[in-house]
Amino acid sequence: MSEKLDSIIEQLKSLTLLEASELVTEIEKVFGVDTSVSVGAVAVAAPVAGGDAGGGSDEKTEFDVVLSEVAADKKIAVLKVVRNITGLGLKESKEIVDNTPKVLKEGATKEECETIKKDVEAAGGKIEMK
């Protein structure tokens, strides 16, 4: 490995979990990637996505799930659901709940959206699918 890469790896080792989470968020924003997708899923999904080059259906298959509203008396319940959905820590999840509208999940399937919507609405929040 080059010295540059060794230096970056050493710097990454010294990050706190919060700093690492913020780094991942910034990488997603800057490079337009979704780090929640596993490598195996990318390898399987890539050929499928490119396979329909000729005039297939225009039906949308991927959605962004947005937490649009949270009742003030339901914030704690919604916070727990947000943590389960996103895998984020308490502080990051609280930031999402306190600053709606915020994207909970990008590129979710319709089934994932329905499950998330059911869970969040049961806890007292409102969801939009975009």
Protein backbone atom coordinates (compact mmCIF):
# COMPACT_ATOMS: atom_id res chain seq x y z
CA MET A 1 0.00 0.00 0.00
CA SER A 2 1.18 3.53 -0.70
CA GLU A 3 2.23 5.95 2.04
CA LYS A 4 -0.82 8.09 1.28
CA LEU A 5 -3.19 5.17 1.88
CA ASP A 6 -1.30 4.10 5.01
CA SER A 7 -1.66 7.63 6.37
CA ILE A 8 -5.40 7.68 5.67
CA ILE A 9 -5.88 4.29 7.35
CA GLU A 10 -4.02 5.47 10.44
CA GLN A 11 -6.16 8.59 10.61
CA LEU A 12 -9.33 6.50 10.28
CA LYS A 13 -8.22 4.29 13.17
CA SER A 14 -8.11 7.33 15.45
CA LEU A 15 -11.70 8.46 14.76
CA THR A 16 -14.43 8.18 17.37
CA LEU A 17 -17.64 6.40 16.36
CA LEU A 18 -19.42 9.73 16.02
CA GLU A 19 -16.66 11.10 13.79
CA ALA A 20 -16.73 7.91 11.71
CA SER A 21 -20.51 8.22 11.31
CA GLU A 22 -20.16 11.84 10.22
CA LEU A 23 -17.42 10.83 7.76
CA VAL A 24 -19.68 8.19 6.21
CA THR A 25 -22.49 10.74 5.88
CA GLU A 26 -20.17 13.22 4.16
CA ILE A 27 -18.81 10.54 1.81
CA GLU A 28 -22.40 9.65 0.86
CA LYS A 29 -23.19 13.32 0.14
CA VAL A 30 -19.99 14.19 -1.72
CA PHE A 31 -19.77 11.06 -3.88
CA GLY A 32 -23.48 10.29 -4.16
CA VAL A 33 -23.19 6.76 -2.79
CA ASP A 34 -25.32 4.73 -0.40
CA THR A 35 -23.16 2.92 2.13
CA SER A 36 -26.08 0.90 3.50
CA VAL A 37 -25.89 -1.44 0.49
CA SER A 38 -23.67 -4.47 1.01
CA VAL A 39 -21.05 -5.49 -1.55
CA GLY A 40 -22.93 -8.71 -2.33
CA ALA A 41 -26.12 -6.79 -3.05
CA VAL A 42 -24.24 -4.46 -5.41
CA ALA A 43 -22.79 -7.40 -7.33
CA VAL A 44 -26.23 -8.97 -7.73
CA ALA A 45 -28.11 -5.73 -8.42
CA ALA A 46 -25.72 -4.26 -10.97
CA PRO A 47 -26.34 -6.79 -13.77
CA VAL A 48 -30.08 -6.68 -13.15
CA ALA A 49 -30.19 -2.88 -13.31
CA GLY A 50 -28.31 -2.80 -16.60
CA GLY A 51 -30.24 -5.70 -18.11
CA ASP A 52 -33.36 -3.73 -19.06
CA ALA A 53 -31.89 -1.36 -21.63
CA GLY A 54 -34.80 -1.50 -24.03
CA GLY A 55 -38.06 0.23 -23.12
CA GLY A 56 -39.12 -1.63 -19.99
CA SER A 57 -41.74 -0.51 -17.53
CA ASP A 58 -41.50 3.02 -16.18
CA GLU A 59 -42.71 1.97 -12.73
CA LYS A 60 -40.49 3.29 -9.98
CA THR A 61 -38.78 0.53 -8.00
CA GLU A 62 -36.65 2.52 -5.57
CA PHE A 63 -37.90 5.15 -3.16
CA ASP A 64 -36.48 7.53 -0.59
CA VAL A 65 -38.26 7.22 2.75
CA VAL A 66 -38.59 10.64 4.38
CA LEU A 67 -39.63 11.23 7.98
CA SER A 68 -41.89 14.23 7.41
CA GLU A 69 -43.47 14.85 10.79
CA VAL A 70 -43.30 13.70 14.42
CA ALA A 71 -45.90 14.45 17.09
CA ALA A 72 -44.20 16.17 20.03
CA ASP A 73 -45.48 13.63 22.54
CA LYS A 74 -44.33 10.69 20.37
CA LYS A 75 -40.68 11.71 19.79
CA ILE A 76 -39.18 9.00 22.01
CA ALA A 77 -41.18 6.21 20.37
CA VAL A 78 -40.30 7.48 16.88
CA LEU A 79 -36.66 7.88 17.94
CA LYS A 80 -36.50 4.18 18.82
CA VAL A 81 -37.95 3.22 15.44
CA VAL A 82 -35.55 5.57 13.60
CA ARG A 83 -32.58 3.98 15.40
CA ASN A 84 -33.74 0.51 14.31
CA ILE A 85 -34.25 1.58 10.70
CA THR A 86 -31.05 3.57 10.24
CA GLY A 87 -28.68 1.77 12.59
CA LEU A 88 -27.50 5.17 13.82
CA GLY A 89 -26.68 6.09 17.38
CA LEU A 90 -28.93 7.93 19.78
CA LYS A 91 -27.54 11.40 19.02
CA GLU A 92 -27.78 11.02 15.23
CA SER A 93 -31.28 9.54 15.44
CA LYS A 94 -32.43 12.35 17.73
CA GLU A 95 -31.09 14.87 15.22
CA ILE A 96 -33.23 13.26 12.49
CA VAL A 97 -36.37 13.24 14.65
CA ASP A 98 -35.86 16.84 15.80
CA ASN A 99 -35.16 18.21 12.30
CA THR A 100 -37.87 16.80 10.05
CA PRO A 101 -38.21 16.37 7.14
CA LYS A 102 -35.20 14.04 6.92
CA VAL A 103 -34.43 11.04 4.73
CA LEU A 104 -34.47 7.79 6.72
CA LYS A 105 -33.54 5.45 3.90
CA GLU A 106 -32.55 5.98 0.28
CA GLY A 107 -33.20 3.50 -2.51
CA ALA A 108 -35.67 1.38 -0.53
CA THR A 109 -37.93 -1.11 -2.24
CA LYS A 110 -41.68 -0.66 -2.08
CA GLU A 111 -41.92 -3.48 0.48
CA GLU A 112 -39.25 -1.85 2.69
CA CYS A 113 -41.09 1.47 2.43
CA GLU A 114 -44.36 -0.09 3.53
CA THR A 115 -42.71 -1.77 6.51
CA ILE A 116 -40.94 1.43 7.55
CA LYS A 117 -44.14 3.44 7.09
CA LYS A 118 -46.13 1.01 9.24
CA ASP A 119 -43.51 1.06 12.03
CA VAL A 120 -43.05 4.85 12.06
CA GLU A 121 -46.77 5.61 11.89
CA ALA A 122 -47.46 3.14 14.72
CA ALA A 123 -44.93 5.09 16.81
CA GLY A 124 -46.51 8.48 15.99
CA GLY A 125 -44.59 9.78 12.98
CA LYS A 126 -45.50 10.47 9.36
CA ILE A 127 -43.62 9.16 6.33
CA GLU A 128 -43.39 10.27 2.71
CA MET A 129 -42.08 8.11 -0.11
CA LYS A 130 -40.29 10.01 -2.87
